[in-house]
C-alpha atoms as a PDB file:
ATOM      1  CA  MET A   1      -5.414 -11.839  -9.936  1.00  0.00           C
ATOM      2  CA  PRO A   2      -7.304 -15.095  -9.085  1.00  0.00           C
ATOM      3  CA  LEU A   3      -9.658 -15.165  -6.127  1.00  0.00           C
ATOM      4  CA  THR A   4      -8.239 -16.889  -3.059  1.00  0.00           C
ATOM      5  CA  ILE A   5     -10.076 -19.692  -1.251  1.00  0.00           C
ATOM      6  CA  LEU A   6      -8.960 -21.213   2.042  1.00  0.00           C
ATOM      7  CA  VAL A   7      -9.722 -24.938   2.415  1.00  0.00           C
ATOM      8  CA  ALA A   8      -9.538 -26.415   5.928  1.00  0.00           C
ATOM      9  CA  ASP A   9      -9.967 -30.184   6.359  1.00  0.00           C
ATOM     10  CA  ASP A  10      -7.983 -32.702   8.400  1.00  0.00           C
ATOM     11  CA  ASP A  11      -8.584 -35.436   5.816  1.00  0.00           C
ATOM     12  CA  PHE A  12      -5.699 -35.268   3.330  1.00  0.00           C
ATOM     13  CA  ALA A  13      -7.572 -36.885   0.444  1.00  0.00           C
ATOM     14  CA  THR A  14     -10.534 -34.525   0.776  1.00  0.00           C
ATOM     15  CA  ARG A  15      -8.289 -31.495   1.098  1.00  0.00           C
ATOM     16  CA  LEU A  16      -6.221 -32.519  -1.927  1.00  0.00           C
ATOM     17  CA  SER A  17      -9.212 -33.245  -4.164  1.00  0.00           C
ATOM     18  CA  ILE A  18     -10.842 -29.899  -3.352  1.00  0.00           C
ATOM     19  CA  THR A  19      -7.565 -28.030  -3.826  1.00  0.00           C
ATOM     20  CA  ASP A  20      -6.871 -29.655  -7.195  1.00  0.00           C
ATOM     21  CA  TYR A  21     -10.404 -29.048  -8.445  1.00  0.00           C
ATOM     22  CA  LEU A  22     -10.482 -25.380  -7.428  1.00  0.00           C
ATOM     23  CA  GLU A  23      -7.025 -24.661  -8.827  1.00  0.00           C
ATOM     24  CA  ILE A  24      -8.040 -26.208 -12.150  1.00  0.00           C
ATOM     25  CA  THR A  25     -11.163 -24.039 -12.040  1.00  0.00           C
ATOM     26  CA  GLY A  26      -8.979 -20.953 -11.726  1.00  0.00           C
ATOM     27  CA  TYR A  27      -8.843 -20.143  -8.018  1.00  0.00           C
ATOM     28  CA  SER A  28      -5.816 -19.714  -5.789  1.00  0.00           C
ATOM     29  CA  VAL A  29      -6.141 -22.193  -2.900  1.00  0.00           C
ATOM     30  CA  ILE A  30      -4.644 -22.067   0.604  1.00  0.00           C
ATOM     31  CA  PRO A  31      -4.918 -25.501   2.354  1.00  0.00           C
ATOM     32  CA  ALA A  32      -4.998 -26.035   6.133  1.00  0.00           C
ATOM     33  CA  GLU A  33      -5.120 -29.202   8.250  1.00  0.00           C
ATOM     34  CA  ASN A  34      -7.158 -27.781  11.141  1.00  0.00           C
ATOM     35  CA  GLY A  35      -8.915 -24.690  12.407  1.00  0.00           C
ATOM     36  CA  LYS A  36      -5.929 -23.375  14.338  1.00  0.00           C
ATOM     37  CA  GLU A  37      -3.700 -23.387  11.286  1.00  0.00           C
ATOM     38  CA  ALA A  38      -6.524 -21.988   9.147  1.00  0.00           C
ATOM     39  CA  LEU A  39      -7.068 -19.052  11.495  1.00  0.00           C
ATOM     40  CA  GLY A  40      -3.474 -17.929  11.070  1.00  0.00           C
ATOM     41  CA  LEU A  41      -3.746 -18.295   7.290  1.00  0.00           C
ATOM     42  CA  VAL A  42      -6.874 -16.123   7.213  1.00  0.00           C
ATOM     43  CA  GLU A  43      -4.908 -13.315   8.838  1.00  0.00           C
ATOM     44  CA  GLU A  44      -1.957 -13.819   6.486  1.00  0.00           C
ATOM     45  CA  PHE A  45      -3.688 -14.291   3.121  1.00  0.00           C
ATOM     46  CA  GLN A  46      -7.142 -12.731   3.708  1.00  0.00           C
ATOM     47  CA  PRO A  47      -9.028 -15.112   1.376  1.00  0.00           C
ATOM     48  CA  HIS A  48     -12.212 -14.257  -0.489  1.00  0.00           C
ATOM     49  CA  LEU A  49     -14.029 -17.397   0.769  1.00  0.00           C
ATOM     50  CA  ILE A  50     -13.559 -20.230   3.273  1.00  0.00           C
ATOM     51  CA  VAL A  51     -14.406 -23.916   2.822  1.00  0.00           C
ATOM     52  CA  THR A  52     -14.013 -25.796   6.090  1.00  0.00           C
ATOM     53  CA  ASP A  53     -14.755 -29.120   7.699  1.00  0.00           C
ATOM     54  CA  ILE A  54     -16.374 -29.073  11.143  1.00  0.00           C
ATOM     55  CA  THR A  55     -14.693 -32.022  12.873  1.00  0.00           C
ATOM     56  CA  MET A  56     -10.976 -31.214  13.045  1.00  0.00           C
ATOM     57  CA  PRO A  57      -8.248 -31.571  15.715  1.00  0.00           C
ATOM     58  CA  GLU A  58      -6.871 -28.645  17.762  1.00  0.00           C
ATOM     59  CA  MET A  59      -9.698 -26.318  16.674  1.00  0.00           C
ATOM     60  CA  ASP A  60     -12.946 -27.459  15.050  1.00  0.00           C
ATOM     61  CA  GLY A  61     -14.785 -25.628  12.293  1.00  0.00           C
ATOM     62  CA  TYR A  62     -17.314 -24.021  14.631  1.00  0.00           C
ATOM     63  CA  GLU A  63     -14.652 -22.350  16.770  1.00  0.00           C
ATOM     64  CA  PHE A  64     -12.605 -21.427  13.713  1.00  0.00           C
ATOM     65  CA  VAL A  65     -15.514 -19.608  12.074  1.00  0.00           C
ATOM     66  CA  ARG A  66     -16.567 -17.999  15.364  1.00  0.00           C
ATOM     67  CA  ARG A  67     -13.106 -16.481  15.745  1.00  0.00           C
ATOM     68  CA  VAL A  68     -13.029 -15.348  12.130  1.00  0.00           C
ATOM     69  CA  ARG A  69     -16.347 -13.547  12.633  1.00  0.00           C
ATOM     70  CA  THR A  70     -14.992 -11.600  15.627  1.00  0.00           C
ATOM     71  CA  ARG A  71     -12.671  -9.719  13.281  1.00  0.00           C
ATOM     72  CA  PRO A  72     -14.527  -6.770  11.705  1.00  0.00           C
ATOM     73  CA  ALA A  73     -12.693  -7.116   8.386  1.00  0.00           C
ATOM     74  CA  PHE A  74     -13.945 -10.715   7.982  1.00  0.00           C
ATOM     75  CA  ARG A  75     -17.570 -10.414   9.097  1.00  0.00           C
ATOM     76  CA  LEU A  76     -18.810 -10.633   5.508  1.00  0.00           C
ATOM     77  CA  LEU A  77     -16.374 -13.345   4.407  1.00  0.00           C
ATOM     78  CA  PRO A  78     -18.373 -16.217   2.791  1.00  0.00           C
ATOM     79  CA  VAL A  79     -18.062 -19.560   4.611  1.00  0.00           C
ATOM     80  CA  ILE A  80     -19.071 -23.051   3.475  1.00  0.00           C
ATOM     81  CA  PHE A  81     -19.203 -25.941   5.949  1.00  0.00           C
ATOM     82  CA  LEU A  82     -18.371 -29.462   4.746  1.00  0.00           C
ATOM     83  CA  THR A  83     -19.575 -32.009   7.264  1.00  0.00           C
ATOM     84  CA  GLU A  84     -21.059 -35.383   8.060  1.00  0.00           C
ATOM     85  CA  ARG A  85     -23.091 -33.681  10.798  1.00  0.00           C
ATOM     86  CA  THR A  86     -26.386 -33.081   9.028  1.00  0.00           C
ATOM     87  CA  SER A  87     -28.907 -32.913  11.873  1.00  0.00           C
ATOM     88  CA  THR A  88     -31.117 -29.838  12.136  1.00  0.00           C
ATOM     89  CA  GLN A  89     -29.497 -28.762  15.391  1.00  0.00           C
ATOM     90  CA  GLU A  90     -26.009 -29.020  13.918  1.00  0.00           C
ATOM     91  CA  ARG A  91     -27.049 -26.970  10.898  1.00  0.00           C
ATOM     92  CA  ILE A  92     -28.677 -24.338  13.105  1.00  0.00           C
ATOM     93  CA  ARG A  93     -25.515 -24.123  15.182  1.00  0.00           C
ATOM     94  CA  GLY A  94     -23.449 -23.641  12.049  1.00  0.00           C
ATOM     95  CA  TYR A  95     -25.639 -20.831  10.771  1.00  0.00           C
ATOM     96  CA  GLN A  96     -25.514 -19.183  14.190  1.00  0.00           C
ATOM     97  CA  MET A  97     -21.717 -19.318  14.022  1.00  0.00           C
ATOM     98  CA  GLY A  98     -21.813 -17.514  10.685  1.00  0.00           C
ATOM     99  CA  CYS A  99     -21.657 -20.083   7.887  1.00  0.00           C
ATOM    100  CA  ASP A 100     -23.402 -19.275   4.594  1.00  0.00           C
ATOM    101  CA  ASN A 101     -23.962 -22.783   3.269  1.00  0.00           C
ATOM    102  CA  TYR A 102     -23.732 -26.455   4.188  1.00  0.00           C
ATOM    103  CA  LEU A 103     -22.601 -29.351   2.021  1.00  0.00           C
ATOM    104  CA  ALA A 104     -23.007 -32.805   3.492  1.00  0.00           C
ATOM    105  CA  LYS A 105     -20.218 -35.338   2.989  1.00  0.00           C
ATOM    106  CA  PRO A 106     -19.881 -37.036   0.596  1.00  0.00           C
ATOM    107  CA  PHE A 107     -20.446 -34.250  -1.912  1.00  0.00           C
ATOM    108  CA  GLU A 108     -19.810 -33.586  -5.592  1.00  0.00           C
ATOM    109  CA  LEU A 109     -16.971 -31.236  -6.471  1.00  0.00           C
ATOM    110  CA  GLN A 110     -19.074 -29.635  -9.198  1.00  0.00           C
ATOM    111  CA  GLU A 111     -21.748 -28.769  -6.643  1.00  0.00           C
ATOM    112  CA  LEU A 112     -19.118 -27.239  -4.367  1.00  0.00           C
ATOM    113  CA  GLY A 113     -17.843 -25.187  -7.304  1.00  0.00           C
ATOM    114  CA  ALA A 114     -21.359 -23.939  -8.073  1.00  0.00           C
ATOM    115  CA  VAL A 115     -21.967 -22.933  -4.446  1.00  0.00           C
ATOM    116  CA  ILE A 116     -18.630 -21.089  -4.313  1.00  0.00           C
ATOM    117  CA  ARG A 117     -19.350 -19.173  -7.513  1.00  0.00           C
ATOM    118  CA  SER A 118     -22.837 -18.264  -6.310  1.00  0.00           C
ATOM    119  CA  LEU A 119     -21.595 -16.923  -2.962  1.00  0.00           C
ATOM    120  CA  LEU A 120     -18.757 -14.941  -4.525  1.00  0.00           C
ATOM    121  CA  ASP A 121     -21.093 -13.387  -7.093  1.00  0.00           C
ATOM    122  CA  ARG A 122     -23.683 -12.507  -4.445  1.00  0.00           C
ATOM    123  CA  TYR A 123     -21.205 -10.874  -2.102  1.00  0.00           C
ATOM    124  CA  ALA A 124     -19.642  -8.933  -4.970  1.00  0.00           C
ATOM    125  CA  LEU A 125     -23.085  -7.511  -5.797  1.00  0.00           C
ATOM    126  CA  ILE A 126     -23.754  -6.655  -2.150  1.00  0.00           C
ATOM    127  CA  ALA A 127     -20.445  -4.830  -1.919  1.00  0.00           C
ATOM    128  CA  GLN A 128     -20.995  -2.811  -5.090  1.00  0.00           C
ATOM    129  CA  ALA A 129     -24.719  -2.042  -5.228  1.00  0.00           C
ATOM    130  CA  PRO A 130     -26.509   0.712  -3.270  1.00  0.00           C
ATOM    131  CA  SER A 131     -29.297  -0.476  -1.001  1.00  0.00           C
ATOM    132  CA  HIS A 132     -32.030   1.572  -2.674  1.00  0.00           C
ATOM    133  CA  SER A 133     -32.840   3.966  -5.481  1.00  0.00           C
ATOM    134  CA  PRO A 134     -31.682   7.554  -5.126  1.00  0.00           C
ATOM    135  CA  LYS A 135     -34.102   9.811  -3.280  1.00  0.00           C
ATOM    136  CA  PRO A 136     -35.857  12.451  -5.394  1.00  0.00           C
ATOM    137  CA  GLU A 137     -34.607  16.012  -5.131  1.00  0.00           C
ATOM    138  CA  PRO A 138     -36.623  18.080  -2.615  1.00  0.00           C
ATOM    139  CA  THR A 139     -38.818  20.896  -3.840  1.00  0.00           C
ATOM    140  CA  PRO A 140     -37.664  24.465  -3.059  1.00  0.00           C
ATOM    141  CA  THR A 141     -40.263  24.678  -0.283  1.00  0.00           C
ATOM    142  CA  GLU A 142     -39.063  21.382   1.253  1.00  0.00           C
ATOM    143  CA  ALA A 143     -35.448  22.492   1.009  1.00  0.00           C
ATOM    144  CA  ARG A 144     -36.141  25.759   2.810  1.00  0.00           C
ATOM    145  CA  SER A 145     -38.117  23.922   5.486  1.00  0.00           C
ATOM    146  CA  ARG A 146     -35.281  21.482   6.118  1.00  0.00           C
ATOM    147  CA  ALA A 147     -32.723  24.286   6.218  1.00  0.00           C
ATOM    148  CA  ASN A 148     -34.734  26.168   8.829  1.00  0.00           C
ATOM    149  CA  SER A 149     -35.232  23.091  11.007  1.00  0.00           C
ATOM    150  CA  GLN A 150     -31.599  21.955  11.126  1.00  0.00           C
ATOM    151  CA  PRO A 151     -28.553  23.662  12.651  1.00  0.00           C
ATOM    152  CA  GLU A 152     -25.986  25.001  10.235  1.00  0.00           C
ATOM    153  CA  SER A 153     -23.335  22.601  11.566  1.00  0.00           C
ATOM    154  CA  ASP A 154     -25.372  19.609  10.345  1.00  0.00           C
ATOM    155  CA  PHE A 155     -24.746  20.439   6.697  1.00  0.00           C
ATOM    156  CA  PHE A 156     -21.792  19.362   4.614  1.00  0.00           C
ATOM    157  CA  THR A 157     -18.543  21.019   5.635  1.00  0.00           C
ATOM    158  CA  GLN A 158     -15.025  20.648   4.345  1.00  0.00           C
ATOM    159  CA  LYS A 159     -12.014  20.955   6.621  1.00  0.00           C
ATOM    160  CA  SER A 160      -8.442  21.901   5.808  1.00  0.00           C
ATOM    161  CA  GLU A 161      -7.151  20.473   2.529  1.00  0.00           C
ATOM    162  CA  THR A 162      -4.202  18.438   3.776  1.00  0.00           C
ATOM    163  CA  ASP A 163      -3.296  14.831   2.998  1.00  0.00           C
ATOM    164  CA  ASP A 164      -5.071  13.854   6.193  1.00  0.00           C
ATOM    165  CA  ARG A 165      -8.044  16.200   5.745  1.00  0.00           C
ATOM    166  CA  ALA A 166     -11.453  14.999   6.907  1.00  0.00           C
ATOM    167  CA  TYR A 167     -14.965  15.509   5.634  1.00  0.00           C
ATOM    168  CA  THR A 168     -18.333  15.470   7.341  1.00  0.00           C
ATOM    169  CA  SER A 169     -21.897  15.379   6.059  1.00  0.00           C
ATOM    170  CA  GLN A 170     -25.257  15.273   7.738  1.00  0.00           C
ATOM    171  CA  ASN A 171     -25.231  12.353  10.226  1.00  0.00           C
ATOM    172  CA  ALA A 172     -21.971  11.080   8.662  1.00  0.00           C
ATOM    173  CA  PRO A 173     -18.623  10.490  10.394  1.00  0.00           C
ATOM    174  CA  SER A 174     -15.416  12.364   9.705  1.00  0.00           C
ATOM    175  CA  LEU A 175     -13.096  10.308   7.476  1.00  0.00           C
ATOM    176  CA  THR A 176      -9.457  10.870   6.656  1.00  0.00           C
ATOM    177  CA  GLN A 177      -8.234  11.027   3.076  1.00  0.00           C
ATOM    178  CA  ARG A 178      -6.764   7.517   3.331  1.00  0.00           C
ATOM    179  CA  GLU A 179      -9.969   6.097   4.812  1.00  0.00           C
ATOM    180  CA  ARG A 180     -11.931   7.545   1.899  1.00  0.00           C
ATOM    181  CA  GLU A 181      -9.505   5.958  -0.581  1.00  0.00           C
ATOM    182  CA  VAL A 182      -9.888   2.573   1.119  1.00  0.00           C
ATOM    183  CA  LEU A 183     -13.671   3.001   1.234  1.00  0.00           C
ATOM    184  CA  ASP A 184     -13.867   3.812  -2.481  1.00  0.00           C
ATOM    185  CA  LEU A 185     -11.974   0.614  -3.372  1.00  0.00           C
ATOM    186  CA  LEU A 186     -13.931  -1.426  -0.862  1.00  0.00           C
ATOM    187  CA  THR A 187     -17.191  -0.434  -2.562  1.00  0.00           C
ATOM    188  CA  GLU A 188     -15.743  -1.807  -5.807  1.00  0.00           C
ATOM    189  CA  GLY A 189     -15.627  -5.223  -4.145  1.00  0.00           C
ATOM    190  CA  LEU A 190     -11.840  -5.399  -3.740  1.00  0.00           C
ATOM    191  CA  SER A 191     -10.330  -7.532  -0.990  1.00  0.00           C
ATOM    192  CA  ASN A 192      -7.926  -6.113   1.576  1.00  0.00           C
ATOM    193  CA  ILE A 193      -4.994  -7.542  -0.375  1.00  0.00           C
ATOM    194  CA  GLN A 194      -6.190  -5.950  -3.621  1.00  0.00           C
ATOM    195  CA  ILE A 195      -6.762  -2.612  -1.873  1.00  0.00           C
ATOM    196  CA  GLY A 196      -3.247  -2.811  -0.441  1.00  0.00           C
ATOM    197  CA  ASP A 197      -1.802  -3.480  -3.897  1.00  0.00           C
ATOM    198  CA  ARG A 198      -3.698  -0.516  -5.344  1.00  0.00           C
ATOM    199  CA  LEU A 199      -2.721   1.911  -2.566  1.00  0.00           C
ATOM    200  CA  HIS A 200       0.727   0.421  -1.858  1.00  0.00           C
ATOM    201  CA  LEU A 201      -0.237  -0.493   1.713  1.00  0.00           C
ATOM    202  CA  SER A 202       0.321  -3.658   3.722  1.00  0.00           C
ATOM    203  CA  PRO A 203      -2.752  -5.890   4.333  1.00  0.00           C
ATOM    204  CA  ARG A 204      -2.402  -5.151   8.045  1.00  0.00           C
ATOM    205  CA  THR A 205      -2.593  -1.403   7.416  1.00  0.00           C
ATOM    206  CA  VAL A 206      -5.620  -1.848   5.166  1.00  0.00           C
ATOM    207  CA  GLU A 207      -7.294  -3.958   7.862  1.00  0.00           C
ATOM    208  CA  LYS A 208      -6.731  -1.145  10.378  1.00  0.00           C
ATOM    209  CA  HIS A 209      -8.379   1.361   8.044  1.00  0.00           C
ATOM    210  CA  VAL A 210     -11.308  -1.007   7.408  1.00  0.00           C
ATOM    211  CA  SER A 211     -11.731  -1.583  11.149  1.00  0.00           C
ATOM    212  CA  SER A 212     -11.709   2.178  11.685  1.00  0.00           C
ATOM    213  CA  LEU A 213     -14.418   2.554   9.026  1.00  0.00           C
ATOM    214  CA  PHE A 214     -16.528  -0.124  10.734  1.00  0.00           C
ATOM    215  CA  ARG A 215     -16.144   1.707  14.032  1.00  0.00           C
ATOM    216  CA  LYS A 216     -16.899   5.183  12.692  1.00  0.00           C
ATOM    217  CA  THR A 217     -19.985   4.044  10.748  1.00  0.00           C
ATOM    218  CA  GLU A 218     -21.143   1.547  13.407  1.00  0.00           C
ATOM    219  CA  SER A 219     -21.265  -1.134  10.700  1.00  0.00           C
ATOM    220  CA  ASN A 220     -20.985  -4.857  11.398  1.00  0.00           C
ATOM    221  CA  ASN A 221     -19.836  -5.987   7.951  1.00  0.00           C
ATOM    222  CA  ARG A 222     -18.855  -4.757   4.504  1.00  0.00           C
ATOM    223  CA  ALA A 223     -22.413  -4.803   3.162  1.00  0.00           C
ATOM    224  CA  GLU A 224     -23.570  -2.463   5.925  1.00  0.00           C
ATOM    225  CA  LEU A 225     -20.512  -0.261   5.428  1.00  0.00           C
ATOM    226  CA  VAL A 226     -21.114   0.062   1.679  1.00  0.00           C
ATOM    227  CA  ARG A 227     -24.807   0.788   2.280  1.00  0.00           C
ATOM    228  CA  PHE A 228     -23.893   3.500   4.799  1.00  0.00           C
ATOM    229  CA  ALA A 229     -21.350   5.020   2.406  1.00  0.00           C
ATOM    230  CA  MET A 230     -23.879   5.152  -0.439  1.00  0.00           C
ATOM    231  CA  GLU A 231     -26.637   6.625   1.720  1.00  0.00           C
ATOM    232  CA  HIS A 232     -24.341   9.335   3.103  1.00  0.00           C
ATOM    233  CA  HIS A 233     -22.561  10.064  -0.194  1.00  0.00           C
ATOM    234  CA  LEU A 234     -19.152   9.143   1.195  1.00  0.00           C
ATOM    235  CA  VAL A 235     -17.843   7.690  -2.071  1.00  0.00           C
ATOM    236  CA  GLY A 236     -17.094   9.245  -5.411  1.00  0.00           C
ATOM    237  CA  ASN A 237     -17.609  12.829  -4.213  1.00  0.00           C
ATOM    238  CA  TRP A 238     -14.105  14.053  -3.463  1.00  0.00           C
END
């Protein structure tokens, strides 16, 4: 399944040239004429990356990206701004809104392609890799000391084995069976659409599970969620 990129630009020629280039490169492209239309398409298609102009009618790129970032499921979504606004203050504002990279107009399509590939590769690594090396096993003396200093309820417990059973570990939240399935696939770098295809769920249902995972782990984005899951052994152990 090709990766999906949303391209938002009110200039038809620019939008068409980017769309044609990316489709030839092997991506699936969703075009939009302005930020308002693009926002609805993000919800519908859940792209892997956004390329957007800043100056657009109805809703500019800044507001579009700001609204995208308010949705927990899209906080890690890579965003590239295309713009003629190249002043330092404009660039700072863009980064504050949540963009990952700037390309000043006019730009080369090959450069845009390289930036897109770089961002997609980086975010795939963030989603799949643990944040640090595994901790060494404690010595018997250390293990006994920890056991004596912590209440019994802090250690790993397993609840009733139903389809909706939940698990807890030290300092870890209780997750349902379905949330653990979504979390396992999320750590593989799959998008919400791909997770839905794998688990036979609608994208909206997957988004609800992802939002629940963000809330339970107090994570702000997928990278933090994956890091939390690795540190608390919430994946691959059931």
